[in-house]
Protein backbone atom coordinates (compact mmCIF):
# COMPACT_ATOMS: atom_id res chain seq x y z
CA MET A 1 116.54 184.54 148.19
CA GLY A 2 117.70 181.71 147.31
CA ASP A 3 121.63 181.16 146.03
CA THR A 4 122.03 181.47 141.99
CA THR A 5 124.96 179.91 140.36
CA PRO A 6 125.91 181.76 137.15
CA ILE A 7 124.52 178.94 134.93
CA GLY A 8 121.18 179.39 136.85
CA ALA A 9 121.59 183.12 136.47
CA VAL A 10 121.76 182.84 132.97
CA GLY A 11 118.78 180.06 132.84
CA LYS A 12 116.60 182.49 134.99
CA GLY A 13 117.30 185.51 133.14
CA LEU A 14 116.61 183.79 129.66
CA VAL A 15 113.04 183.19 131.27
CA ALA A 16 112.85 186.40 132.66
CA GLY A 17 113.98 187.63 129.28
CA ALA A 18 111.10 186.14 127.61
CA ILE A 19 108.59 187.24 130.25
CA GLY A 20 109.95 190.91 129.81
CA THR A 21 109.78 190.52 126.00
CA GLY A 22 106.05 189.27 126.54
CA ALA A 23 105.11 191.87 128.42
CA MET A 24 106.71 194.27 126.35
CA THR A 25 105.08 193.05 123.07
CA ALA A 26 101.68 192.88 124.82
CA TYR A 27 102.09 196.54 125.72
CA GLN A 28 103.13 197.18 121.74
CA MET A 29 100.11 195.52 120.31
CA ALA A 30 97.57 197.25 122.65
CA VAL A 31 98.92 200.40 121.44
CA ALA A 32 99.09 199.41 117.81
CA LYS A 33 95.49 198.21 118.20
CA ALA A 34 94.54 201.64 119.98
CA ARG A 35 96.02 203.35 117.11
CA ASP A 36 95.05 201.27 114.35
CA SER A 37 98.26 200.73 112.92
CA GLY A 38 100.60 197.58 112.40
CA SER A 39 103.81 196.41 114.00
CA SER A 40 107.26 197.25 113.30
CA THR A 41 108.84 194.94 111.01
CA VAL A 42 112.34 196.43 111.84
CA PRO A 43 113.63 193.22 113.83
CA ALA A 44 112.62 191.38 110.51
CA GLU A 45 115.25 193.69 108.44
CA VAL A 46 118.01 193.11 111.09
CA GLY A 47 117.51 189.34 110.91
CA LYS A 48 117.26 189.38 106.79
CA ARG A 49 120.53 191.29 106.95
CA VAL A 50 122.19 188.80 109.23
CA VAL A 51 121.15 185.80 106.99
CA ARG A 52 121.99 187.66 103.85
CA GLY A 53 125.15 189.05 105.38
CA VAL A 54 126.62 185.96 107.53
CA PHE A 55 124.82 182.94 105.88
CA GLN A 56 125.12 184.26 102.37
CA ARG A 57 121.54 183.22 102.01
CA ARG A 58 118.21 184.57 100.16
CA VAL A 59 115.42 185.44 102.42
CA SER A 60 111.79 185.17 100.96
CA ASP A 61 109.49 188.14 101.79
CA GLU A 62 106.80 185.71 102.88
CA ARG A 63 109.17 184.74 106.05
CA THR A 64 109.10 188.35 107.17
CA ASP A 65 106.72 187.80 110.10
CA GLN A 66 108.40 184.29 111.09
CA ILE A 67 112.18 186.14 111.22
CA ASN A 68 110.31 189.26 112.73
CA GLN A 69 109.26 187.24 115.82
CA ALA A 70 112.12 185.50 116.12
CA MET A 71 114.42 188.50 116.33
CA HIS A 72 112.24 190.27 118.58
CA TRP A 73 112.08 187.57 121.19
CA GLY A 74 115.72 186.34 120.79
CA TYR A 75 116.76 189.89 121.38
CA GLY A 76 114.82 190.56 124.38
CA THR A 77 115.63 186.86 125.64
CA SER A 78 119.17 187.32 125.39
CA TRP A 79 118.90 190.59 127.11
CA GLY A 80 117.35 188.89 129.81
CA ALA A 81 120.34 186.57 130.05
CA LEU A 82 122.74 189.52 130.43
CA TYR A 83 120.53 191.10 132.93
CA GLY A 84 120.47 187.62 134.99
CA ILE A 85 124.56 187.65 135.53
CA ALA A 86 124.48 191.24 136.59
CA GLU A 87 121.53 190.85 138.93
CA ALA A 88 122.92 187.82 140.64
CA SER A 89 126.01 189.36 141.03
CA VAL A 90 124.59 192.76 142.91
CA ASP A 91 121.04 191.54 144.24
CA ARG A 92 119.68 195.20 144.73
CA SER A 93 116.43 196.97 143.57
CA PRO A 94 114.68 195.20 140.96
CA VAL A 95 112.73 197.94 139.98
CA ARG A 96 115.69 200.34 139.73
CA HIS A 97 117.39 197.86 137.77
CA GLY A 98 114.75 197.05 135.66
CA LEU A 99 114.51 200.84 134.64
CA VAL A 100 118.32 201.01 133.86
CA LEU A 101 117.91 197.57 131.74
CA GLY A 102 115.03 199.04 130.01
CA ALA A 103 117.15 202.37 129.44
CA LEU A 104 120.14 200.35 128.12
CA VAL A 105 118.47 198.32 125.46
CA TRP A 106 116.47 201.51 124.32
CA GLY A 107 119.63 202.73 123.84
CA ALA A 108 121.28 200.35 122.26
CA SER A 109 118.70 200.48 119.73
CA LEU A 110 119.10 204.13 119.15
CA ILE A 111 122.99 203.58 118.26
CA GLU A 112 122.44 199.87 116.36
CA LEU A 113 119.40 200.88 114.14
CA PRO A 114 120.35 204.28 112.80
CA ALA A 115 123.75 202.63 112.07
CA MET A 116 122.18 200.06 109.93
CA LYS A 117 119.88 202.57 108.31
CA LEU A 118 116.85 201.01 109.64
CA ALA A 119 115.89 204.01 111.71
CA PRO A 120 116.59 207.83 111.82
CA PRO A 121 118.90 209.13 114.43
CA VAL A 122 117.32 210.19 117.73
CA TRP A 123 117.19 213.87 117.37
CA GLU A 124 114.54 213.40 114.07
CA TYR A 125 111.55 211.57 116.03
CA PRO A 126 108.72 213.38 117.38
CA PRO A 127 109.17 213.72 121.03
CA ALA A 128 105.79 211.63 121.37
CA GLU A 129 107.23 209.02 119.50
CA LEU A 130 110.48 208.88 121.44
CA ALA A 131 108.66 209.00 124.59
CA LEU A 132 106.25 205.81 123.77
CA ASP A 133 109.41 203.86 122.36
CA VAL A 134 111.24 204.59 125.89
CA SER A 135 107.94 203.46 127.63
CA TYR A 136 107.87 200.25 125.57
CA HIS A 137 111.66 199.70 126.90
CA LEU A 138 111.16 200.52 130.29
CA VAL A 139 108.07 197.92 130.61
CA TYR A 140 110.52 195.50 129.04
CA GLY A 141 113.28 196.16 131.67
CA VAL A 142 110.81 196.40 134.66
CA SER A 143 109.13 193.16 133.57
CA VAL A 144 112.50 191.32 133.41
CA ALA A 145 113.67 192.49 136.54
CA VAL A 146 110.68 191.50 138.42
CA ALA A 147 110.46 188.24 136.60
CA PHE A 148 114.04 187.27 137.71
CA ARG A 149 113.51 188.50 141.20
CA ALA A 150 110.30 185.78 141.56
CA LEU A 151 112.24 183.14 139.92
CA ARG A 152 114.87 183.58 142.47
CA ALA A 153 112.66 183.46 145.56
């Protein structure tokens, strides 16, 4: 295992976060296709609120897909950077830490999205939907962890 500086940990974490986001996205797209449903636009709604509230700018509905992708990939990639810092500090089991990361990111969404009135509280979800959402995030977390480990090798 190579030595990783803090800056190196952030950089490798960003790359691992992008890889994890790609794995999660592929899984979500496969599920959406199997269910014959569309993808969520919640990331776009978060982004629109940021643009409107922080930057005081209008956001056209025609930009929804672009904002959705930017928020989804930006959020997942940034969690990877945080993971990189933490993992470079402890250097333990990537799968276990990936599961913890996935659970942490999922838990954050259970607080952030209902607070923004973009999703119902966790207790209002059907158990099957809740399990599927957890699985998306666990795939993300483990993918980030395994990618980060591979980048450190």
